[in-house]
Amino acid sequence: MDVYERAAPVLRMISHPHRLKIVELLEQEKLTVGELAERIGLAPHACSQHLRMMQAHKILSSRREGKTVYYEVISPHALDLICCIRTHGACSD
């Protein structure tokens, strides 16, 4: 499998603007659904759907502490893509 074939599933999964923002926020710290939803401006149920999709594709993981569930990025490829977007995003002018 070449580099493009390995990158395609991650690119497809995080290509939505909300999912990109979720990965960017989780790069900085572990957050709950409610915290993510508030920071992005989404309803918690919509945020949960994005989180579930990214968990299913092994981009995120969750950890329960009591009744609270925290999410974190586990895919180094997703973080690399966020870094690339930051570095080259201004080039789209």
C-alpha atoms as a PDB file:
ATOM      1  CA  MET A   1       0.000   0.000   0.000  1.00  0.00           C
ATOM      2  CA  ASP A   2       1.478   3.358  -0.954  1.00  0.00           C
ATOM      3  CA  VAL A   3       1.395   6.598   1.005  1.00  0.00           C
ATOM      4  CA  TYR A   4      -1.671   7.914  -0.859  1.00  0.00           C
ATOM      5  CA  GLU A   5      -3.699   4.798  -0.190  1.00  0.00           C
ATOM      6  CA  ARG A   6      -2.862   5.038   3.523  1.00  0.00           C
ATOM      7  CA  ALA A   7      -3.685   8.767   3.655  1.00  0.00           C
ATOM      8  CA  ALA A   8      -7.016   8.602   1.809  1.00  0.00           C
ATOM      9  CA  PRO A   9      -9.166   7.152   4.643  1.00  0.00           C
ATOM     10  CA  VAL A  10      -7.871   9.733   7.140  1.00  0.00           C
ATOM     11  CA  LEU A  11      -8.390  12.557   4.637  1.00  0.00           C
ATOM     12  CA  ARG A  12     -11.959  11.415   3.928  1.00  0.00           C
ATOM     13  CA  MET A  13     -12.802  11.175   7.604  1.00  0.00           C
ATOM     14  CA  ILE A  14     -11.455  14.535   8.767  1.00  0.00           C
ATOM     15  CA  SER A  15     -12.356  16.542   5.647  1.00  0.00           C
ATOM     16  CA  HIS A  16     -15.465  18.044   7.285  1.00  0.00           C
ATOM     17  CA  PRO A  17     -14.804  21.485   8.842  1.00  0.00           C
ATOM     18  CA  HIS A  18     -16.278  20.454  12.205  1.00  0.00           C
ATOM     19  CA  ARG A  19     -14.129  17.338  12.354  1.00  0.00           C
ATOM     20  CA  LEU A  20     -11.022  19.351  11.469  1.00  0.00           C
ATOM     21  CA  LYS A  21     -11.803  21.717  14.336  1.00  0.00           C
ATOM     22  CA  ILE A  22     -12.414  18.795  16.718  1.00  0.00           C
ATOM     23  CA  VAL A  23      -9.003  17.322  15.884  1.00  0.00           C
ATOM     24  CA  GLU A  24      -7.388  20.734  16.299  1.00  0.00           C
ATOM     25  CA  LEU A  25      -8.997  21.248  19.729  1.00  0.00           C
ATOM     26  CA  LEU A  26      -8.150  17.733  20.889  1.00  0.00           C
ATOM     27  CA  GLU A  27      -4.552  18.223  19.811  1.00  0.00           C
ATOM     28  CA  GLN A  28      -4.256  20.764  22.629  1.00  0.00           C
ATOM     29  CA  GLU A  29      -6.127  18.916  25.395  1.00  0.00           C
ATOM     30  CA  LYS A  30      -8.547  16.101  26.165  1.00  0.00           C
ATOM     31  CA  LEU A  31     -12.139  17.345  26.134  1.00  0.00           C
ATOM     32  CA  THR A  32     -15.681  16.084  26.704  1.00  0.00           C
ATOM     33  CA  VAL A  33     -18.516  16.130  24.174  1.00  0.00           C
ATOM     34  CA  GLY A  34     -20.061  19.115  25.921  1.00  0.00           C
ATOM     35  CA  GLU A  35     -16.822  21.096  25.921  1.00  0.00           C
ATOM     36  CA  LEU A  36     -16.204  20.356  22.251  1.00  0.00           C
ATOM     37  CA  ALA A  37     -19.788  21.166  21.257  1.00  0.00           C
ATOM     38  CA  GLU A  38     -19.643  24.500  23.070  1.00  0.00           C
ATOM     39  CA  ARG A  39     -16.303  25.516  21.541  1.00  0.00           C
ATOM     40  CA  ILE A  40     -17.364  24.576  18.023  1.00  0.00           C
ATOM     41  CA  GLY A  41     -20.927  25.851  18.288  1.00  0.00           C
ATOM     42  CA  LEU A  42     -22.614  22.500  17.646  1.00  0.00           C
ATOM     43  CA  ALA A  43     -25.433  20.717  19.388  1.00  0.00           C
ATOM     44  CA  PRO A  44     -23.989  17.971  21.633  1.00  0.00           C
ATOM     45  CA  HIS A  45     -25.740  15.196  19.664  1.00  0.00           C
ATOM     46  CA  ALA A  46     -24.191  16.439  16.389  1.00  0.00           C
ATOM     47  CA  CYS A  47     -20.768  16.616  18.010  1.00  0.00           C
ATOM     48  CA  SER A  48     -21.229  13.073  19.344  1.00  0.00           C
ATOM     49  CA  GLN A  49     -21.915  11.806  15.829  1.00  0.00           C
ATOM     50  CA  HIS A  50     -18.664  13.320  14.553  1.00  0.00           C
ATOM     51  CA  LEU A  51     -16.765  11.825  17.498  1.00  0.00           C
ATOM     52  CA  ARG A  52     -18.244   8.346  16.942  1.00  0.00           C
ATOM     53  CA  MET A  53     -17.296   8.414  13.264  1.00  0.00           C
ATOM     54  CA  MET A  54     -13.720   9.402  14.039  1.00  0.00           C
ATOM     55  CA  GLN A  55     -13.469   6.756  16.773  1.00  0.00           C
ATOM     56  CA  ALA A  56     -14.663   4.098  14.332  1.00  0.00           C
ATOM     57  CA  HIS A  57     -11.827   5.091  11.988  1.00  0.00           C
ATOM     58  CA  LYS A  58      -9.219   5.018  14.783  1.00  0.00           C
ATOM     59  CA  ILE A  59      -8.586   8.780  14.700  1.00  0.00           C
ATOM     60  CA  LEU A  60      -9.860   9.370  18.242  1.00  0.00           C
ATOM     61  CA  SER A  61     -10.184   7.376  21.421  1.00  0.00           C
ATOM     62  CA  SER A  62     -12.191   7.986  24.557  1.00  0.00           C
ATOM     63  CA  ARG A  63     -11.469   7.446  28.224  1.00  0.00           C
ATOM     64  CA  ARG A  64     -14.039   7.388  30.998  1.00  0.00           C
ATOM     65  CA  GLU A  65     -13.348   9.022  34.353  1.00  0.00           C
ATOM     66  CA  GLY A  66     -16.357   8.359  36.551  1.00  0.00           C
ATOM     67  CA  LYS A  67     -19.342   9.623  34.584  1.00  0.00           C
ATOM     68  CA  THR A  68     -17.242  11.851  32.323  1.00  0.00           C
ATOM     69  CA  VAL A  69     -15.851  10.714  28.961  1.00  0.00           C
ATOM     70  CA  TYR A  70     -12.798  12.474  27.563  1.00  0.00           C
ATOM     71  CA  TYR A  71     -11.718  12.299  23.933  1.00  0.00           C
ATOM     72  CA  GLU A  72      -8.203  12.450  22.512  1.00  0.00           C
ATOM     73  CA  VAL A  73      -6.497  12.126  19.136  1.00  0.00           C
ATOM     74  CA  ILE A  74      -4.664   8.846  18.621  1.00  0.00           C
ATOM     75  CA  SER A  75      -3.864   9.162  14.905  1.00  0.00           C
ATOM     76  CA  PRO A  76      -0.532  10.857  14.281  1.00  0.00           C
ATOM     77  CA  HIS A  77      -1.601  11.205  10.632  1.00  0.00           C
ATOM     78  CA  ALA A  78      -4.572  13.373  11.588  1.00  0.00           C
ATOM     79  CA  LEU A  79      -2.286  15.626  13.630  1.00  0.00           C
ATOM     80  CA  ASP A  80       0.173  15.842  10.738  1.00  0.00           C
ATOM     81  CA  LEU A  81      -2.650  16.938   8.438  1.00  0.00           C
ATOM     82  CA  ILE A  82      -3.742  19.664  10.863  1.00  0.00           C
ATOM     83  CA  CYS A  83      -0.136  20.889  10.990  1.00  0.00           C
ATOM     84  CA  CYS A  84       0.034  20.903   7.195  1.00  0.00           C
ATOM     85  CA  ILE A  85      -3.219  22.869   6.944  1.00  0.00           C
ATOM     86  CA  ARG A  86      -1.888  25.421   9.433  1.00  0.00           C
ATOM     87  CA  THR A  87       1.361  25.744   7.530  1.00  0.00           C
ATOM     88  CA  HIS A  88      -0.085  25.905   4.027  1.00  0.00           C
ATOM     89  CA  GLY A  89      -3.672  27.058   4.617  1.00  0.00           C
ATOM     90  CA  ALA A  90      -2.836  30.702   3.994  1.00  0.00           C
ATOM     91  CA  CYS A  91      -1.578  29.764   0.502  1.00  0.00           C
ATOM     92  CA  SER A  92      -5.135  29.484  -0.841  1.00  0.00           C
ATOM     93  CA  ASP A  93      -5.486  33.245  -1.396  1.00  0.00           C
END
